[in-house]
């Protein structure tokens, strides 16, 4: 499995977070379900998937059982 730094090097236009880091951003309001310009996908530790992130905590926690990272693009 690739490290977070390796995944970040491959996705220079986006930010890479662990599931827990991303949940902290969501809980802190740094990522909002009302920000329709930003988006992201799950990363399986080897490759970026085409499974988009739905900004609902329970969905992210469930996906975190399968995916270690979220690759997120802040557009605002």
PDB file of N, CA and C in Angstrom:
ATOM      1  N   UNK A   1       0.843  -1.180   0.000  1.00  0.00           N
ATOM      2  CA  UNK A   1       0.000   0.000   0.000  1.00  0.00           C
ATOM      3  C   UNK A   1       0.887   1.243   0.000  1.00  0.00           C
ATOM      4  N   UNK A   2       0.482   2.229  -0.779  1.00  0.00           N
ATOM      5  CA  UNK A   2       1.224   3.483  -0.863  1.00  0.00           C
ATOM      6  C   UNK A   2       0.979   4.327   0.382  1.00  0.00           C
ATOM      7  N   UNK A   3       1.981   5.106   0.725  1.00  0.00           N
ATOM      8  CA  UNK A   3       1.841   6.035   1.850  1.00  0.00           C
ATOM      9  C   UNK A   3       1.040   7.247   1.403  1.00  0.00           C
ATOM     10  N   UNK A   4       0.585   8.004   2.358  1.00  0.00           N
ATOM     11  CA  UNK A   4      -0.144   9.232   2.063  1.00  0.00           C
ATOM     12  C   UNK A   4       0.718  10.169   1.218  1.00  0.00           C
ATOM     13  N   UNK A   5       1.998  10.267   1.543  1.00  0.00           N
ATOM     14  CA  UNK A   5       2.895  11.136   0.778  1.00  0.00           C
ATOM     15  C   UNK A   5       3.030  10.670  -0.672  1.00  0.00           C
ATOM     16  N   UNK A   6       3.096   9.377  -0.898  1.00  0.00           N
ATOM     17  CA  UNK A   6       3.187   8.853  -2.263  1.00  0.00           C
ATOM     18  C   UNK A   6       1.918   9.170  -3.053  1.00  0.00           C
ATOM     19  N   UNK A   7       0.770   8.999  -2.412  1.00  0.00           N
ATOM     20  CA  UNK A   7      -0.496   9.306  -3.076  1.00  0.00           C
ATOM     21  C   UNK A   7      -0.565  10.798  -3.382  1.00  0.00           C
ATOM     22  N   UNK A   8      -0.104  11.640  -2.456  1.00  0.00           N
ATOM     23  CA  UNK A   8      -0.111  13.089  -2.684  1.00  0.00           C
ATOM     24  C   UNK A   8       0.777  13.457  -3.862  1.00  0.00           C
ATOM     25  N   UNK A   9       1.939  12.807  -3.988  1.00  0.00           N
ATOM     26  CA  UNK A   9       2.845  13.078  -5.108  1.00  0.00           C
ATOM     27  C   UNK A   9       2.194  12.752  -6.449  1.00  0.00           C
ATOM     28  N   UNK A  10       1.313  11.760  -6.468  1.00  0.00           N
ATOM     29  CA  UNK A  10       0.630  11.364  -7.700  1.00  0.00           C
ATOM     30  C   UNK A  10      -0.577  12.234  -8.014  1.00  0.00           C
ATOM     31  N   UNK A  11      -1.049  12.982  -7.043  1.00  0.00           N
ATOM     32  CA  UNK A  11      -2.267  13.789  -7.200  1.00  0.00           C
ATOM     33  C   UNK A  11      -1.987  15.229  -6.800  1.00  0.00           C
ATOM     34  N   UNK A  12      -1.118  15.871  -7.536  1.00  0.00           N
ATOM     35  CA  UNK A  12      -0.624  17.189  -7.147  1.00  0.00           C
ATOM     36  C   UNK A  12      -1.680  18.288  -7.203  1.00  0.00           C
ATOM     37  N   UNK A  13      -2.738  18.118  -7.970  1.00  0.00           N
ATOM     38  CA  UNK A  13      -3.773  19.149  -8.052  1.00  0.00           C
ATOM     39  C   UNK A  13      -4.850  18.993  -6.985  1.00  0.00           C
ATOM     40  N   UNK A  14      -4.718  17.932  -6.181  1.00  0.00           N
ATOM     41  CA  UNK A  14      -5.726  17.656  -5.164  1.00  0.00           C
ATOM     42  C   UNK A  14      -5.030  17.412  -3.827  1.00  0.00           C
ATOM     43  N   UNK A  15      -5.797  17.448  -2.757  1.00  0.00           N
ATOM     44  CA  UNK A  15      -5.276  17.167  -1.427  1.00  0.00           C
ATOM     45  C   UNK A  15      -5.628  15.734  -1.051  1.00  0.00           C
ATOM     46  N   UNK A  16      -4.733  15.084  -0.346  1.00  0.00           N
ATOM     47  CA  UNK A  16      -4.958  13.703   0.077  1.00  0.00           C
ATOM     48  C   UNK A  16      -5.059  13.669   1.596  1.00  0.00           C
ATOM     49  N   UNK A  17      -6.085  12.972   2.090  1.00  0.00           N
ATOM     50  CA  UNK A  17      -6.337  12.859   3.519  1.00  0.00           C
ATOM     51  C   UNK A  17      -6.602  11.407   3.884  1.00  0.00           C
ATOM     52  N   UNK A  18      -6.256  11.045   5.109  1.00  0.00           N
ATOM     53  CA  UNK A  18      -6.747   9.782   5.626  1.00  0.00           C
ATOM     54  C   UNK A  18      -8.232   9.983   5.907  1.00  0.00           C
ATOM     55  N   UNK A  19      -8.931   8.897   6.103  1.00  0.00           N
ATOM     56  CA  UNK A  19     -10.363   8.987   6.407  1.00  0.00           C
ATOM     57  C   UNK A  19     -10.574   9.799   7.681  1.00  0.00           C
ATOM     58  N   UNK A  20      -9.783   9.527   8.716  1.00  0.00           N
ATOM     59  CA  UNK A  20      -9.931  10.249   9.984  1.00  0.00           C
ATOM     60  C   UNK A  20      -9.646  11.741   9.828  1.00  0.00           C
ATOM     61  N   UNK A  21      -8.612  12.082   9.072  1.00  0.00           N
ATOM     62  CA  UNK A  21      -8.301  13.502   8.840  1.00  0.00           C
ATOM     63  C   UNK A  21      -9.454  14.194   8.121  1.00  0.00           C
ATOM     64  N   UNK A  22     -10.016  13.509   7.136  1.00  0.00           N
ATOM     65  CA  UNK A  22     -11.110  14.107   6.382  1.00  0.00           C
ATOM     66  C   UNK A  22     -12.348  14.286   7.248  1.00  0.00           C
ATOM     67  N   UNK A  23     -12.633  13.303   8.104  1.00  0.00           N
ATOM     68  CA  UNK A  23     -13.772  13.430   9.012  1.00  0.00           C
ATOM     69  C   UNK A  23     -13.591  14.605   9.962  1.00  0.00           C
ATOM     70  N   UNK A  24     -12.359  14.862  10.394  1.00  0.00           N
ATOM     71  CA  UNK A  24     -12.093  16.037  11.238  1.00  0.00           C
ATOM     72  C   UNK A  24     -12.405  17.321  10.477  1.00  0.00           C
ATOM     73  N   UNK A  25     -12.041  17.384   9.201  1.00  0.00           N
ATOM     74  CA  UNK A  25     -12.355  18.562   8.381  1.00  0.00           C
ATOM     75  C   UNK A  25     -13.864  18.734   8.237  1.00  0.00           C
ATOM     76  N   UNK A  26     -14.556  17.634   8.040  1.00  0.00           N
ATOM     77  CA  UNK A  26     -16.007  17.680   7.900  1.00  0.00           C
ATOM     78  C   UNK A  26     -16.661  18.134   9.198  1.00  0.00           C
ATOM     79  N   UNK A  27     -16.229  17.565  10.314  1.00  0.00           N
ATOM     80  CA  UNK A  27     -16.804  17.924  11.612  1.00  0.00           C
ATOM     81  C   UNK A  27     -16.470  19.365  11.992  1.00  0.00           C
ATOM     82  N   UNK A  28     -15.298  19.845  11.585  1.00  0.00           N
ATOM     83  CA  UNK A  28     -14.879  21.205  11.895  1.00  0.00           C
ATOM     84  C   UNK A  28     -15.443  22.255  10.955  1.00  0.00           C
ATOM     85  N   UNK A  29     -16.123  21.829   9.902  1.00  0.00           N
ATOM     86  CA  UNK A  29     -16.715  22.769   8.965  1.00  0.00           C
ATOM     87  C   UNK A  29     -15.788  23.208   7.843  1.00  0.00           C
ATOM     88  N   UNK A  30     -14.577  22.638   7.779  1.00  0.00           N
ATOM     89  CA  UNK A  30     -13.650  23.004   6.708  1.00  0.00           C
ATOM     90  C   UNK A  30     -14.050  22.386   5.372  1.00  0.00           C
ATOM     91  N   UNK A  31     -14.839  21.331   5.430  1.00  0.00           N
ATOM     92  CA  UNK A  31     -15.452  20.711   4.263  1.00  0.00           C
ATOM     93  C   UNK A  31     -16.945  20.730   4.533  1.00  0.00           C
ATOM     94  N   UNK A  32     -17.706  21.201   3.571  1.00  0.00           N
ATOM     95  CA  UNK A  32     -19.139  21.358   3.788  1.00  0.00           C
ATOM     96  C   UNK A  32     -19.943  20.646   2.703  1.00  0.00           C
ATOM     97  N   UNK A  33     -21.023  19.979   3.085  1.00  0.00           N
ATOM     98  CA  UNK A  33     -21.896  19.375   2.072  1.00  0.00           C
ATOM     99  C   UNK A  33     -22.573  20.415   1.184  1.00  0.00           C
ATOM    100  N   UNK A  34     -22.490  21.678   1.555  1.00  0.00           N
ATOM    101  CA  UNK A  34     -23.115  22.754   0.789  1.00  0.00           C
ATOM    102  C   UNK A  34     -22.141  23.437  -0.165  1.00  0.00           C
ATOM    103  N   UNK A  35     -20.893  22.967  -0.193  1.00  0.00           N
ATOM    104  CA  UNK A  35     -19.898  23.482  -1.117  1.00  0.00           C
ATOM    105  C   UNK A  35     -19.949  22.612  -2.371  1.00  0.00           C
ATOM    106  N   UNK A  36     -20.682  23.072  -3.353  1.00  0.00           N
ATOM    107  CA  UNK A  36     -20.908  22.261  -4.541  1.00  0.00           C
ATOM    108  C   UNK A  36     -19.766  22.319  -5.546  1.00  0.00           C
ATOM    109  N   UNK A  37     -18.761  23.133  -5.284  1.00  0.00           N
ATOM    110  CA  UNK A  37     -17.635  23.246  -6.200  1.00  0.00           C
ATOM    111  C   UNK A  37     -16.514  22.259  -5.887  1.00  0.00           C
ATOM    112  N   UNK A  38     -16.380  21.866  -4.634  1.00  0.00           N
ATOM    113  CA  UNK A  38     -15.327  20.945  -4.242  1.00  0.00           C
ATOM    114  C   UNK A  38     -15.822  19.510  -4.392  1.00  0.00           C
ATOM    115  N   UNK A  39     -14.885  18.606  -4.620  1.00  0.00           N
ATOM    116  CA  UNK A  39     -15.260  17.212  -4.828  1.00  0.00           C
ATOM    117  C   UNK A  39     -14.079  16.295  -4.531  1.00  0.00           C
ATOM    118  N   UNK A  40     -14.355  15.014  -4.420  1.00  0.00           N
ATOM    119  CA  UNK A  40     -13.281  14.071  -4.173  1.00  0.00           C
ATOM    120  C   UNK A  40     -13.674  12.634  -4.442  1.00  0.00           C
ATOM    121  N   UNK A  41     -12.634  11.788  -4.410  1.00  0.00           N
ATOM    122  CA  UNK A  41     -12.786  10.364  -4.677  1.00  0.00           C
ATOM    123  C   UNK A  41     -11.999   9.575  -3.644  1.00  0.00           C
ATOM    124  N   UNK A  42     -12.400   8.341  -3.470  1.00  0.00           N
ATOM    125  CA  UNK A  42     -11.662   7.453  -2.571  1.00  0.00           C
ATOM    126  C   UNK A  42     -10.457   6.880  -3.301  1.00  0.00           C
ATOM    127  N   UNK A  43      -9.430   6.598  -2.532  1.00  0.00           N
ATOM    128  CA  UNK A  43      -8.207   5.986  -3.041  1.00  0.00           C
ATOM    129  C   UNK A  43      -8.021   4.679  -2.292  1.00  0.00           C
ATOM    130  N   UNK A  44      -7.777   3.595  -3.011  1.00  0.00           N
ATOM    131  CA  UNK A  44      -7.710   2.281  -2.375  1.00  0.00           C
ATOM    132  C   UNK A  44      -6.332   1.905  -1.827  1.00  0.00           C
ATOM    133  N   UNK A  45      -5.412   2.844  -1.845  1.00  0.00           N
ATOM    134  CA  UNK A  45      -4.058   2.576  -1.365  1.00  0.00           C
ATOM    135  C   UNK A  45      -3.090   2.291  -2.498  1.00  0.00           C
ATOM    136  N   UNK A  46      -3.646   1.971  -3.653  1.00  0.00           N
ATOM    137  CA  UNK A  46      -2.830   1.757  -4.850  1.00  0.00           C
ATOM    138  C   UNK A  46      -3.275   2.668  -5.984  1.00  0.00           C
ATOM    139  N   UNK A  47      -4.592   2.843  -6.124  1.00  0.00           N
ATOM    140  CA  UNK A  47      -5.138   3.607  -7.243  1.00  0.00           C
ATOM    141  C   UNK A  47      -6.307   4.480  -6.800  1.00  0.00           C
ATOM    142  N   UNK A  48      -6.461   5.578  -7.511  1.00  0.00           N
ATOM    143  CA  UNK A  48      -7.630   6.433  -7.325  1.00  0.00           C
ATOM    144  C   UNK A  48      -8.833   5.702  -7.898  1.00  0.00           C
ATOM    145  N   UNK A  49      -9.921   5.659  -7.149  1.00  0.00           N
ATOM    146  CA  UNK A  49     -11.125   4.986  -7.634  1.00  0.00           C
ATOM    147  C   UNK A  49     -12.039   5.997  -8.314  1.00  0.00           C
ATOM    148  N   UNK A  50     -13.106   5.515  -8.904  1.00  0.00           N
ATOM    149  CA  UNK A  50     -14.106   6.415  -9.471  1.00  0.00           C
ATOM    150  C   UNK A  50     -15.289   6.578  -8.526  1.00  0.00           C
ATOM    151  N   UNK A  51     -15.132   6.101  -7.279  1.00  0.00           N
ATOM    152  CA  UNK A  51     -16.182   6.235  -6.270  1.00  0.00           C
ATOM    153  C   UNK A  51     -16.080   7.599  -5.605  1.00  0.00           C
ATOM    154  N   UNK A  52     -17.049   8.445  -5.875  1.00  0.00           N
ATOM    155  CA  UNK A  52     -17.007   9.802  -5.338  1.00  0.00           C
ATOM    156  C   UNK A  52     -17.415   9.827  -3.869  1.00  0.00           C
ATOM    157  N   UNK A  53     -16.913  10.817  -3.173  1.00  0.00           N
ATOM    158  CA  UNK A  53     -17.162  10.988  -1.747  1.00  0.00           C
ATOM    159  C   UNK A  53     -18.487  11.720  -1.554  1.00  0.00           C
ATOM    160  N   UNK A  54     -19.368  11.119  -0.798  1.00  0.00           N
ATOM    161  CA  UNK A  54     -20.620  11.753  -0.393  1.00  0.00           C
ATOM    162  C   UNK A  54     -20.379  12.292   1.013  1.00  0.00           C
ATOM    163  N   UNK A  55     -20.643  13.569   1.216  1.00  0.00           N
ATOM    164  CA  UNK A  55     -20.287  14.216   2.479  1.00  0.00           C
ATOM    165  C   UNK A  55     -21.297  13.935   3.590  1.00  0.00           C
ATOM    166  N   UNK A  56     -21.429  12.679   3.904  1.00  0.00           N
ATOM    167  CA  UNK A  56     -22.236  12.221   5.026  1.00  0.00           C
ATOM    168  C   UNK A  56     -21.323  11.356   5.883  1.00  0.00           C
ATOM    169  N   UNK A  57     -21.194  11.716   7.151  1.00  0.00           N
ATOM    170  CA  UNK A  57     -20.222  11.066   8.026  1.00  0.00           C
ATOM    171  C   UNK A  57     -20.349   9.547   8.017  1.00  0.00           C
ATOM    172  N   UNK A  58     -21.552   9.030   8.128  1.00  0.00           N
ATOM    173  CA  UNK A  58     -21.726   7.571   8.188  1.00  0.00           C
ATOM    174  C   UNK A  58     -21.278   6.898   6.889  1.00  0.00           C
ATOM    175  N   UNK A  59     -21.478   7.540   5.746  1.00  0.00           N
ATOM    176  CA  UNK A  59     -21.027   6.985   4.471  1.00  0.00           C
ATOM    177  C   UNK A  59     -19.504   6.948   4.413  1.00  0.00           C
ATOM    178  N   UNK A  60     -18.888   8.016   4.889  1.00  0.00           N
ATOM    179  CA  UNK A  60     -17.424   8.093   4.864  1.00  0.00           C
ATOM    180  C   UNK A  60     -16.831   7.050   5.810  1.00  0.00           C
ATOM    181  N   UNK A  61     -17.405   6.897   6.981  1.00  0.00           N
ATOM    182  CA  UNK A  61     -16.922   5.879   7.922  1.00  0.00           C
ATOM    183  C   UNK A  61     -17.036   4.475   7.327  1.00  0.00           C
ATOM    184  N   UNK A  62     -18.140   4.205   6.665  1.00  0.00           N
ATOM    185  CA  UNK A  62     -18.328   2.889   6.034  1.00  0.00           C
ATOM    186  C   UNK A  62     -17.304   2.684   4.918  1.00  0.00           C
ATOM    187  N   UNK A  63     -17.110   3.695   4.084  1.00  0.00           N
ATOM    188  CA  UNK A  63     -16.128   3.599   2.993  1.00  0.00           C
ATOM    189  C   UNK A  63     -14.716   3.444   3.554  1.00  0.00           C
ATOM    190  N   UNK A  64     -14.477   4.019   4.735  1.00  0.00           N
ATOM    191  CA  UNK A  64     -13.167   3.927   5.374  1.00  0.00           C
ATOM    192  C   UNK A  64     -12.780   2.510   5.738  1.00  0.00           C
ATOM    193  N   UNK A  65     -13.726   1.612   5.780  1.00  0.00           N
ATOM    194  CA  UNK A  65     -13.422   0.199   6.019  1.00  0.00           C
ATOM    195  C   UNK A  65     -12.759  -0.428   4.794  1.00  0.00           C
ATOM    196  N   UNK A  66     -12.963   0.199   3.657  1.00  0.00           N
ATOM    197  CA  UNK A  66     -12.464  -0.320   2.381  1.00  0.00           C
ATOM    198  C   UNK A  66     -11.325   0.533   1.814  1.00  0.00           C
ATOM    199  N   UNK A  67     -11.409   1.851   2.034  1.00  0.00           N
ATOM    200  CA  UNK A  67     -10.449   2.785   1.443  1.00  0.00           C
ATOM    201  C   UNK A  67      -9.683   3.534   2.529  1.00  0.00           C
ATOM    202  N   UNK A  68      -8.363   3.664   2.386  1.00  0.00           N
ATOM    203  CA  UNK A  68      -7.589   4.387   3.400  1.00  0.00           C
ATOM    204  C   UNK A  68      -7.520   5.900   3.184  1.00  0.00           C
ATOM    205  N   UNK A  69      -7.749   6.365   1.952  1.00  0.00           N
ATOM    206  CA  UNK A  69      -7.538   7.775   1.645  1.00  0.00           C
ATOM    207  C   UNK A  69      -8.715   8.386   0.888  1.00  0.00           C
ATOM    208  N   UNK A  70      -8.791   9.706   1.019  1.00  0.00           N
ATOM    209  CA  UNK A  70      -9.689  10.513   0.196  1.00  0.00           C
ATOM    210  C   UNK A  70      -8.827  11.531  -0.532  1.00  0.00           C
ATOM    211  N   UNK A  71      -9.025  11.636  -1.823  1.00  0.00           N
ATOM    212  CA  UNK A  71      -8.345  12.634  -2.648  1.00  0.00           C
ATOM    213  C   UNK A  71      -9.392  13.698  -2.938  1.00  0.00           C
ATOM    214  N   UNK A  72      -9.143  14.930  -2.459  1.00  0.00           N
ATOM    215  CA  UNK A  72     -10.161  15.979  -2.458  1.00  0.00           C
ATOM    216  C   UNK A  72      -9.655  17.225  -3.147  1.00  0.00           C
ATOM    217  N   UNK A  73     -10.522  17.845  -3.921  1.00  0.00           N
ATOM    218  CA  UNK A  73     -10.176  19.098  -4.611  1.00  0.00           C
ATOM    219  C   UNK A  73     -11.042  20.222  -4.072  1.00  0.00           C
ATOM    220  N   UNK A  74     -10.385  21.200  -3.459  1.00  0.00           N
ATOM    221  CA  UNK A  74     -11.056  22.416  -2.984  1.00  0.00           C
ATOM    222  C   UNK A  74     -11.064  23.405  -4.134  1.00  0.00           C
ATOM    223  N   UNK A  75     -12.235  23.821  -4.567  1.00  0.00           N
ATOM    224  CA  UNK A  75     -12.309  24.754  -5.696  1.00  0.00           C
ATOM    225  C   UNK A  75     -12.706  26.160  -5.307  1.00  0.00           C
ATOM    226  N   UNK A  76     -13.096  26.362  -4.078  1.00  0.00           N
ATOM    227  CA  UNK A  76     -13.508  27.717  -3.711  1.00  0.00           C
ATOM    228  C   UNK A  76     -12.411  28.462  -3.025  1.00  0.00           C
TER     229      UNK A  76
END
